[in-house]
PDB file of N, CA and C in Angstrom:
ATOM      1  N   MET A   1     188.225  69.007 216.652  1.00  0.00           N
ATOM      2  CA  MET A   1     187.608  69.759 215.590  1.00  0.00           C
ATOM      3  C   MET A   1     188.696  70.295 214.663  1.00  0.00           C
ATOM      4  N   ALA A   2     188.395  70.337 213.386  1.00  0.00           N
ATOM      5  CA  ALA A   2     189.375  70.769 212.398  1.00  0.00           C
ATOM      6  C   ALA A   2     189.664  72.260 212.510  1.00  0.00           C
ATOM      7  N   ASN A   3     190.865  72.627 212.131  1.00  0.00           N
ATOM      8  CA  ASN A   3     191.246  74.034 212.088  1.00  0.00           C
ATOM      9  C   ASN A   3     190.544  74.694 210.917  1.00  0.00           C
ATOM     10  N   ARG A   4     189.724  75.701 211.168  1.00  0.00           N
ATOM     11  CA  ARG A   4     188.923  76.328 210.123  1.00  0.00           C
ATOM     12  C   ARG A   4     189.597  77.527 209.459  1.00  0.00           C
ATOM     13  N   SER A   5     190.765  77.959 209.935  1.00  0.00           N
ATOM     14  CA  SER A   5     191.412  79.095 209.298  1.00  0.00           C
ATOM     15  C   SER A   5     192.177  78.596 208.082  1.00  0.00           C
ATOM     16  N   ARG A   6     191.839  79.107 206.920  1.00  0.00           N
ATOM     17  CA  ARG A   6     192.471  78.683 205.677  1.00  0.00           C
ATOM     18  C   ARG A   6     192.204  79.723 204.613  1.00  0.00           C
ATOM     19  N   SER A   7     192.925  79.645 203.522  1.00  0.00           N
ATOM     20  CA  SER A   7     192.632  80.530 202.405  1.00  0.00           C
ATOM     21  C   SER A   7     191.488  79.919 201.615  1.00  0.00           C
ATOM     22  N   ALA A   8     190.847  80.706 200.774  1.00  0.00           N
ATOM     23  CA  ALA A   8     189.682  80.242 200.023  1.00  0.00           C
ATOM     24  C   ALA A   8     190.022  79.105 199.073  1.00  0.00           C
ATOM     25  N   SER A   9     191.278  79.007 198.627  1.00  0.00           N
ATOM     26  CA  SER A   9     191.616  77.996 197.635  1.00  0.00           C
ATOM     27  C   SER A   9     192.291  76.757 198.214  1.00  0.00           C
ATOM     28  N   SER A  10     192.593  76.740 199.503  1.00  0.00           N
ATOM     29  CA  SER A  10     193.256  75.568 200.072  1.00  0.00           C
ATOM     30  C   SER A  10     192.264  74.742 200.891  1.00  0.00           C
ATOM     31  N   PRO A  11     192.305  73.413 200.729  1.00  0.00           N
ATOM     32  CA  PRO A  11     191.360  72.561 201.469  1.00  0.00           C
ATOM     33  C   PRO A  11     191.743  72.458 202.940  1.00  0.00           C
ATOM     34  N   LEU A  12     190.787  72.008 203.733  1.00  0.00           N
ATOM     35  CA  LEU A  12     191.086  71.736 205.136  1.00  0.00           C
ATOM     36  C   LEU A  12     192.069  70.577 205.215  1.00  0.00           C
ATOM     37  N   GLU A  13     192.997  70.666 206.135  1.00  0.00           N
ATOM     38  CA  GLU A  13     193.968  69.581 206.291  1.00  0.00           C
ATOM     39  C   GLU A  13     193.319  68.366 206.943  1.00  0.00           C
ATOM     40  N   GLU A  14     192.391  68.593 207.852  1.00  0.00           N
ATOM     41  CA  GLU A  14     191.761  67.506 208.591  1.00  0.00           C
ATOM     42  C   GLU A  14     190.255  67.754 208.637  1.00  0.00           C
ATOM     43  N   ALA A  15     189.491  66.881 208.045  1.00  0.00           N
ATOM     44  CA  ALA A  15     188.040  67.029 208.049  1.00  0.00           C
ATOM     45  C   ALA A  15     187.468  66.548 209.380  1.00  0.00           C
ATOM     46  N   GLU A  16     186.318  67.097 209.757  1.00  0.00           N
ATOM     47  CA  GLU A  16     185.654  66.644 210.982  1.00  0.00           C
ATOM     48  C   GLU A  16     185.164  65.209 210.831  1.00  0.00           C
ATOM     49  N   PHE A  17     184.738  64.859 209.633  1.00  0.00           N
ATOM     50  CA  PHE A  17     184.359  63.487 209.327  1.00  0.00           C
ATOM     51  C   PHE A  17     184.575  63.271 207.839  1.00  0.00           C
ATOM     52  N   HIS A  18     184.734  62.023 207.444  1.00  0.00           N
ATOM     53  CA  HIS A  18     184.971  61.700 206.043  1.00  0.00           C
ATOM     54  C   HIS A  18     183.672  61.207 205.424  1.00  0.00           C
ATOM     55  N   THR A  19     183.281  61.832 204.311  1.00  0.00           N
ATOM     56  CA  THR A  19     181.996  61.527 203.694  1.00  0.00           C
ATOM     57  C   THR A  19     182.071  60.395 202.680  1.00  0.00           C
ATOM     58  N   GLY A  20     183.233  59.853 202.456  1.00  0.00           N
ATOM     59  CA  GLY A  20     183.338  58.757 201.509  1.00  0.00           C
ATOM     60  C   GLY A  20     183.106  59.187 200.078  1.00  0.00           C
ATOM     61  N   GLY A  21     183.479  60.409 199.740  1.00  0.00           N
ATOM     62  CA  GLY A  21     183.299  60.901 198.380  1.00  0.00           C
ATOM     63  C   GLY A  21     181.892  61.363 198.100  1.00  0.00           C
ATOM     64  N   ALA A  22     181.190  61.825 199.114  1.00  0.00           N
ATOM     65  CA  ALA A  22     179.782  62.199 198.959  1.00  0.00           C
ATOM     66  C   ALA A  22     179.586  63.593 198.392  1.00  0.00           C
ATOM     67  N   GLY A  23     180.570  64.172 197.791  1.00  0.00           N
ATOM     68  CA  GLY A  23     180.361  65.454 197.143  1.00  0.00           C
ATOM     69  C   GLY A  23     181.510  66.410 197.312  1.00  0.00           C
ATOM     70  N   LEU A  24     181.264  67.629 196.897  1.00  0.00           N
ATOM     71  CA  LEU A  24     182.283  68.671 196.954  1.00  0.00           C
ATOM     72  C   LEU A  24     182.341  69.313 198.327  1.00  0.00           C
ATOM     73  N   PHE A  25     183.507  69.851 198.659  1.00  0.00           N
ATOM     74  CA  PHE A  25     183.665  70.626 199.877  1.00  0.00           C
ATOM     75  C   PHE A  25     184.380  71.889 199.473  1.00  0.00           C
ATOM     76  N   SER A  26     183.698  73.020 199.574  1.00  0.00           N
ATOM     77  CA  SER A  26     184.316  74.270 199.141  1.00  0.00           C
ATOM     78  C   SER A  26     183.503  75.433 199.682  1.00  0.00           C
ATOM     79  N   THR A  27     183.743  76.602 199.095  1.00  0.00           N
ATOM     80  CA  THR A  27     183.013  77.800 199.483  1.00  0.00           C
ATOM     81  C   THR A  27     181.843  78.006 198.528  1.00  0.00           C
ATOM     82  N   ALA A  28     180.882  78.820 198.920  1.00  0.00           N
ATOM     83  CA  ALA A  28     179.746  79.117 198.044  1.00  0.00           C
ATOM     84  C   ALA A  28     180.202  79.768 196.738  1.00  0.00           C
ATOM     85  N   PRO A  29     181.109  80.758 196.766  1.00  0.00           N
ATOM     86  CA  PRO A  29     181.560  81.339 195.500  1.00  0.00           C
ATOM     87  C   PRO A  29     182.234  80.308 194.580  1.00  0.00           C
ATOM     88  N   ASP A  30     183.047  79.399 195.160  1.00  0.00           N
ATOM     89  CA  ASP A  30     183.667  78.356 194.343  1.00  0.00           C
ATOM     90  C   ASP A  30     182.614  77.440 193.733  1.00  0.00           C
ATOM     91  N   TYR A  31     181.576  77.123 194.499  1.00  0.00           N
ATOM     92  CA  TYR A  31     180.516  76.252 193.988  1.00  0.00           C
ATOM     93  C   TYR A  31     179.784  76.929 192.829  1.00  0.00           C
ATOM     94  N   LEU A  32     179.541  78.235 192.936  1.00  0.00           N
ATOM     95  CA  LEU A  32     178.887  78.953 191.837  1.00  0.00           C
ATOM     96  C   LEU A  32     179.747  78.938 190.577  1.00  0.00           C
ATOM     97  N   ILE A  33     181.043  79.075 190.730  1.00  0.00           N
ATOM     98  CA  ILE A  33     181.947  78.999 189.583  1.00  0.00           C
ATOM     99  C   ILE A  33     181.893  77.609 188.965  1.00  0.00           C
ATOM    100  N   PHE A  34     181.917  76.578 189.809  1.00  0.00           N
ATOM    101  CA  PHE A  34     181.825  75.193 189.340  1.00  0.00           C
ATOM    102  C   PHE A  34     180.511  74.973 188.585  1.00  0.00           C
ATOM    103  N   THR A  35     179.415  75.493 189.129  1.00  0.00           N
ATOM    104  CA  THR A  35     178.103  75.347 188.492  1.00  0.00           C
ATOM    105  C   THR A  35     178.072  76.051 187.137  1.00  0.00           C
ATOM    106  N   ARG A  36     178.659  77.242 187.055  1.00  0.00           N
ATOM    107  CA  ARG A  36     178.739  77.960 185.775  1.00  0.00           C
ATOM    108  C   ARG A  36     179.475  77.118 184.736  1.00  0.00           C
ATOM    109  N   MET A  37     180.545  76.452 185.158  1.00  0.00           N
ATOM    110  CA  MET A  37     181.309  75.609 184.255  1.00  0.00           C
ATOM    111  C   MET A  37     180.448  74.444 183.765  1.00  0.00           C
ATOM    112  N   LEU A  38     179.686  73.809 184.667  1.00  0.00           N
ATOM    113  CA  LEU A  38     178.817  72.701 184.250  1.00  0.00           C
ATOM    114  C   LEU A  38     177.739  73.181 183.282  1.00  0.00           C
ATOM    115  N   LEU A  39     177.121  74.328 183.586  1.00  0.00           N
ATOM    116  CA  LEU A  39     176.070  74.865 182.717  1.00  0.00           C
ATOM    117  C   LEU A  39     176.605  75.236 181.334  1.00  0.00           C
ATOM    118  N   ALA A  40     177.900  75.537 181.251  1.00  0.00           N
ATOM    119  CA  ALA A  40     178.530  75.878 179.974  1.00  0.00           C
ATOM    120  C   ALA A  40     179.097  74.642 179.280  1.00  0.00           C
ATOM    121  N   GLY A  41     178.703  73.462 179.728  1.00  0.00           N
ATOM    122  CA  GLY A  41     179.130  72.235 179.068  1.00  0.00           C
ATOM    123  C   GLY A  41     180.549  71.806 179.372  1.00  0.00           C
ATOM    124  N   GLY A  42     181.132  72.324 180.457  1.00  0.00           N
ATOM    125  CA  GLY A  42     182.467  71.904 180.861  1.00  0.00           C
ATOM    126  C   GLY A  42     183.535  72.960 180.627  1.00  0.00           C
ATOM    127  N   THR A  43     183.139  74.115 180.089  1.00  0.00           N
ATOM    128  CA  THR A  43     184.093  75.176 179.787  1.00  0.00           C
ATOM    129  C   THR A  43     183.825  76.381 180.674  1.00  0.00           C
ATOM    130  N   LEU A  44     184.882  77.024 181.129  1.00  0.00           N
ATOM    131  CA  LEU A  44     184.745  78.236 181.933  1.00  0.00           C
ATOM    132  C   LEU A  44     185.772  79.258 181.463  1.00  0.00           C
ATOM    133  N   ASN A  45     185.279  80.425 181.117  1.00  0.00           N
ATOM    134  CA  ASN A  45     186.155  81.517 180.650  1.00  0.00           C
ATOM    135  C   ASN A  45     187.084  81.059 179.530  1.00  0.00           C
ATOM    136  N   GLY A  46     186.526  80.266 178.616  1.00  0.00           N
ATOM    137  CA  GLY A  46     187.298  79.814 177.458  1.00  0.00           C
ATOM    138  C   GLY A  46     188.228  78.647 177.714  1.00  0.00           C
ATOM    139  N   VAL A  47     188.223  78.092 178.925  1.00  0.00           N
ATOM    140  CA  VAL A  47     189.098  76.958 179.267  1.00  0.00           C
ATOM    141  C   VAL A  47     188.241  75.720 179.455  1.00  0.00           C
ATOM    142  N   GLU A  48     188.570  74.646 178.732  1.00  0.00           N
ATOM    143  CA  GLU A  48     187.839  73.391 178.898  1.00  0.00           C
ATOM    144  C   GLU A  48     188.324  72.700 180.155  1.00  0.00           C
ATOM    145  N   VAL A  49     187.442  72.591 181.145  1.00  0.00           N
ATOM    146  CA  VAL A  49     187.758  71.932 182.410  1.00  0.00           C
ATOM    147  C   VAL A  49     187.348  70.467 182.330  1.00  0.00           C
ATOM    148  N   LEU A  50     186.168  70.225 181.776  1.00  0.00           N
ATOM    149  CA  LEU A  50     185.657  68.875 181.547  1.00  0.00           C
ATOM    150  C   LEU A  50     185.221  68.763 180.097  1.00  0.00           C
ATOM    151  N   LYS A  51     185.370  67.607 179.517  1.00  0.00           N
ATOM    152  CA  LYS A  51     184.874  67.400 178.162  1.00  0.00           C
ATOM    153  C   LYS A  51     183.342  67.435 178.195  1.00  0.00           C
ATOM    154  N   PRO A  52     182.711  67.937 177.145  1.00  0.00           N
ATOM    155  CA  PRO A  52     181.240  67.968 177.107  1.00  0.00           C
ATOM    156  C   PRO A  52     180.617  66.591 177.351  1.00  0.00           C
ATOM    157  N   GLN A  53     181.267  65.529 176.863  1.00  0.00           N
ATOM    158  CA  GLN A  53     180.748  64.170 177.066  1.00  0.00           C
ATOM    159  C   GLN A  53     180.740  63.809 178.560  1.00  0.00           C
ATOM    160  N   THR A  54     181.722  64.287 179.299  1.00  0.00           N
ATOM    161  CA  THR A  54     181.782  64.027 180.739  1.00  0.00           C
ATOM    162  C   THR A  54     180.631  64.717 181.449  1.00  0.00           C
ATOM    163  N   VAL A  55     180.365  65.970 181.090  1.00  0.00           N
ATOM    164  CA  VAL A  55     179.252  66.712 181.691  1.00  0.00           C
ATOM    165  C   VAL A  55     177.933  66.020 181.360  1.00  0.00           C
ATOM    166  N   GLU A  56     177.795  65.537 180.133  1.00  0.00           N
ATOM    167  CA  GLU A  56     176.580  64.828 179.732  1.00  0.00           C
ATOM    168  C   GLU A  56     176.398  63.548 180.550  1.00  0.00           C
ATOM    169  N   LEU A  57     177.479  62.809 180.761  1.00  0.00           N
ATOM    170  CA  LEU A  57     177.403  61.582 181.559  1.00  0.00           C
ATOM    171  C   LEU A  57     176.994  61.867 183.006  1.00  0.00           C
ATOM    172  N   MET A  58     177.363  63.033 183.531  1.00  0.00           N
ATOM    173  CA  MET A  58     177.019  63.384 184.907  1.00  0.00           C
ATOM    174  C   MET A  58     175.509  63.492 185.108  1.00  0.00           C
ATOM    175  N   ALA A  59     174.763  63.725 184.039  1.00  0.00           N
ATOM    176  CA  ALA A  59     173.316  63.902 184.138  1.00  0.00           C
ATOM    177  C   ALA A  59     172.542  62.612 183.852  1.00  0.00           C
ATOM    178  N   HIS A  60     173.236  61.538 183.519  1.00  0.00           N
ATOM    179  CA  HIS A  60     172.551  60.285 183.215  1.00  0.00           C
ATOM    180  C   HIS A  60     172.193  59.532 184.490  1.00  0.00           C
ATOM    181  N   ASN A  61     171.090  58.817 184.430  1.00  0.00           N
ATOM    182  CA  ASN A  61     170.641  57.977 185.535  1.00  0.00           C
ATOM    183  C   ASN A  61     171.693  56.912 185.828  1.00  0.00           C
ATOM    184  N   ALA A  62     172.173  56.879 187.065  1.00  0.00           N
ATOM    185  CA  ALA A  62     173.196  55.908 187.451  1.00  0.00           C
ATOM    186  C   ALA A  62     172.665  54.846 188.404  1.00  0.00           C
ATOM    187  N   ILE A  63     171.347  54.872 188.694  1.00  0.00           N
ATOM    188  CA  ILE A  63     170.808  53.901 189.649  1.00  0.00           C
ATOM    189  C   ILE A  63     169.670  53.067 189.073  1.00  0.00           C
ATOM    190  N   GLY A  64     169.518  53.078 187.751  1.00  0.00           N
ATOM    191  CA  GLY A  64     168.531  52.221 187.107  1.00  0.00           C
ATOM    192  C   GLY A  64     167.111  52.486 187.563  1.00  0.00           C
ATOM    193  N   ASP A  65     166.418  51.424 187.965  1.00  0.00           N
ATOM    194  CA  ASP A  65     165.003  51.523 188.343  1.00  0.00           C
ATOM    195  C   ASP A  65     164.785  52.066 189.753  1.00  0.00           C
ATOM    196  N   LEU A  66     165.847  52.202 190.542  1.00  0.00           N
ATOM    197  CA  LEU A  66     165.700  52.737 191.899  1.00  0.00           C
ATOM    198  C   LEU A  66     165.362  54.216 191.849  1.00  0.00           C
ATOM    199  N   ASN A  67     164.627  54.690 192.832  1.00  0.00           N
ATOM    200  CA  ASN A  67     164.329  56.115 192.964  1.00  0.00           C
ATOM    201  C   ASN A  67     164.989  56.652 194.230  1.00  0.00           C
ATOM    202  N   VAL A  68     165.380  57.920 194.195  1.00  0.00           N
ATOM    203  CA  VAL A  68     165.913  58.579 195.383  1.00  0.00           C
ATOM    204  C   VAL A  68     164.718  58.849 196.298  1.00  0.00           C
ATOM    205  N   SER A  69     164.803  58.370 197.516  1.00  0.00           N
ATOM    206  CA  SER A  69     163.683  58.526 198.441  1.00  0.00           C
ATOM    207  C   SER A  69     163.922  59.675 199.412  1.00  0.00           C
ATOM    208  N   MET A  70     162.940  59.897 200.263  1.00  0.00           N
ATOM    209  CA  MET A  70     163.048  60.919 201.293  1.00  0.00           C
ATOM    210  C   MET A  70     164.234  60.613 202.200  1.00  0.00           C
ATOM    211  N   VAL A  71     164.935  61.659 202.623  1.00  0.00           N
ATOM    212  CA  VAL A  71     166.031  61.496 203.576  1.00  0.00           C
ATOM    213  C   VAL A  71     165.404  61.393 204.957  1.00  0.00           C
ATOM    214  N   ARG A  72     165.520  60.222 205.555  1.00  0.00           N
ATOM    215  CA  ARG A  72     164.920  59.963 206.864  1.00  0.00           C
ATOM    216  C   ARG A  72     165.884  60.343 207.985  1.00  0.00           C
ATOM    217  N   SER A  73     165.330  60.694 209.124  1.00  0.00           N
ATOM    218  CA  SER A  73     166.139  61.049 210.286  1.00  0.00           C
ATOM    219  C   SER A  73     166.132  59.897 211.280  1.00  0.00           C
ATOM    220  N   ASN A  74     167.295  59.589 211.823  1.00  0.00           N
ATOM    221  CA  ASN A  74     167.376  58.598 212.888  1.00  0.00           C
ATOM    222  C   ASN A  74     166.896  59.167 214.213  1.00  0.00           C
ATOM    223  N   ASN A  75     166.867  60.505 214.299  1.00  0.00           N
ATOM    224  CA  ASN A  75     166.430  61.172 215.522  1.00  0.00           C
ATOM    225  C   ASN A  75     165.610  62.402 215.132  1.00  0.00           C
ATOM    226  N   PRO A  76     164.300  62.238 214.856  1.00  0.00           N
ATOM    227  CA  PRO A  76     163.466  63.353 214.410  1.00  0.00           C
ATOM    228  C   PRO A  76     163.430  64.533 215.381  1.00  0.00           C
ATOM    229  N   ALA A  77     163.775  64.310 216.642  1.00  0.00           N
ATOM    230  CA  ALA A  77     163.809  65.425 217.596  1.00  0.00           C
ATOM    231  C   ALA A  77     164.957  66.384 217.292  1.00  0.00           C
ATOM    232  N   LEU A  78     165.986  65.871 216.609  1.00  0.00           N
ATOM    233  CA  LEU A  78     167.159  66.695 216.320  1.00  0.00           C
ATOM    234  C   LEU A  78     167.302  67.071 214.849  1.00  0.00           C
ATOM    235  N   ALA A  79     166.727  66.275 213.959  1.00  0.00           N
ATOM    236  CA  ALA A  79     166.884  66.540 212.528  1.00  0.00           C
ATOM    237  C   ALA A  79     165.598  66.184 211.790  1.00  0.00           C
ATOM    238  N   LEU A  80     165.144  67.087 210.965  1.00  0.00           N
ATOM    239  CA  LEU A  80     163.932  66.865 210.196  1.00  0.00           C
ATOM    240  C   LEU A  80     164.189  65.942 209.015  1.00  0.00           C
ATOM    241  N   GLU A  81     163.136  65.266 208.565  1.00  0.00           N
ATOM    242  CA  GLU A  81     163.227  64.495 207.341  1.00  0.00           C
ATOM    243  C   GLU A  81     163.122  65.469 206.170  1.00  0.00           C
ATOM    244  N   VAL A  82     163.753  65.122 205.064  1.00  0.00           N
ATOM    245  CA  VAL A  82     163.807  66.027 203.924  1.00  0.00           C
ATOM    246  C   VAL A  82     163.291  65.328 202.675  1.00  0.00           C
ATOM    247  N   GLU A  83     162.377  65.975 201.991  1.00  0.00           N
ATOM    248  CA  GLU A  83     161.898  65.499 200.702  1.00  0.00           C
ATOM    249  C   GLU A  83     162.281  66.548 199.671  1.00  0.00           C
ATOM    250  N   THR A  84     163.356  66.283 198.929  1.00  0.00           N
ATOM    251  CA  THR A  84     163.785  67.237 197.912  1.00  0.00           C
ATOM    252  C   THR A  84     162.914  67.078 196.664  1.00  0.00           C
ATOM    253  N   PHE A  85     162.484  68.165 196.109  1.00  0.00           N
ATOM    254  CA  PHE A  85     161.653  68.183 194.905  1.00  0.00           C
ATOM    255  C   PHE A  85     160.447  67.248 195.037  1.00  0.00           C
ATOM    256  N   PRO A  86     159.532  67.533 195.974  1.00  0.00           N
ATOM    257  CA  PRO A  86     158.368  66.666 196.205  1.00  0.00           C
ATOM    258  C   PRO A  86     157.573  66.418 194.931  1.00  0.00           C
ATOM    259  N   GLY A  87     157.152  65.179 194.772  1.00  0.00           N
ATOM    260  CA  GLY A  87     156.319  64.809 193.643  1.00  0.00           C
ATOM    261  C   GLY A  87     157.080  64.516 192.362  1.00  0.00           C
ATOM    262  N   GLN A  88     158.387  64.709 192.349  1.00  0.00           N
ATOM    263  CA  GLN A  88     159.172  64.449 191.160  1.00  0.00           C
ATOM    264  C   GLN A  88     159.977  63.157 191.321  1.00  0.00           C
ATOM    265  N   VAL A  89     160.150  62.420 190.228  1.00  0.00           N
ATOM    266  CA  VAL A  89     161.005  61.241 190.243  1.00  0.00           C
ATOM    267  C   VAL A  89     162.445  61.737 190.255  1.00  0.00           C
ATOM    268  N   LYS A  90     163.248  61.208 191.164  1.00  0.00           N
ATOM    269  CA  LYS A  90     164.634  61.650 191.301  1.00  0.00           C
ATOM    270  C   LYS A  90     165.580  60.479 191.082  1.00  0.00           C
ATOM    271  N   LYS A  91     166.656  60.735 190.370  1.00  0.00           N
ATOM    272  CA  LYS A  91     167.691  59.730 190.095  1.00  0.00           C
ATOM    273  C   LYS A  91     169.043  60.347 190.399  1.00  0.00           C
ATOM    274  N   TRP A  92     170.016  59.525 190.739  1.00  0.00           N
ATOM    275  CA  TRP A  92     171.379  60.031 190.955  1.00  0.00           C
ATOM    276  C   TRP A  92     172.157  59.905 189.664  1.00  0.00           C
ATOM    277  N   GLY A  93     172.878  60.954 189.315  1.00  0.00           N
ATOM    278  CA  GLY A  93     173.726  60.947 188.125  1.00  0.00           C
ATOM    279  C   GLY A  93     175.140  60.588 188.499  1.00  0.00           C
TER     280      GLY A  93
END
């Protein structure tokens, strides 16, 4: 198991598993700061972190006609299936 003692700004040296780039790994406060930057079009506290065009591209459909389906469990006794935003068409950006 990875060593969990770290400062808020330093990443873990060894992850428990590698997600293959499946998203961010951080603290809740860092994620809120990141979200504020995205909502502001790529700028945070007057500093451009991402170009507005980059933020816009992040919201575009990247999977064409495919839809994001329910997350199925290989072992329903241990993990529930998840339907995020039921009834809505979902696409990955």
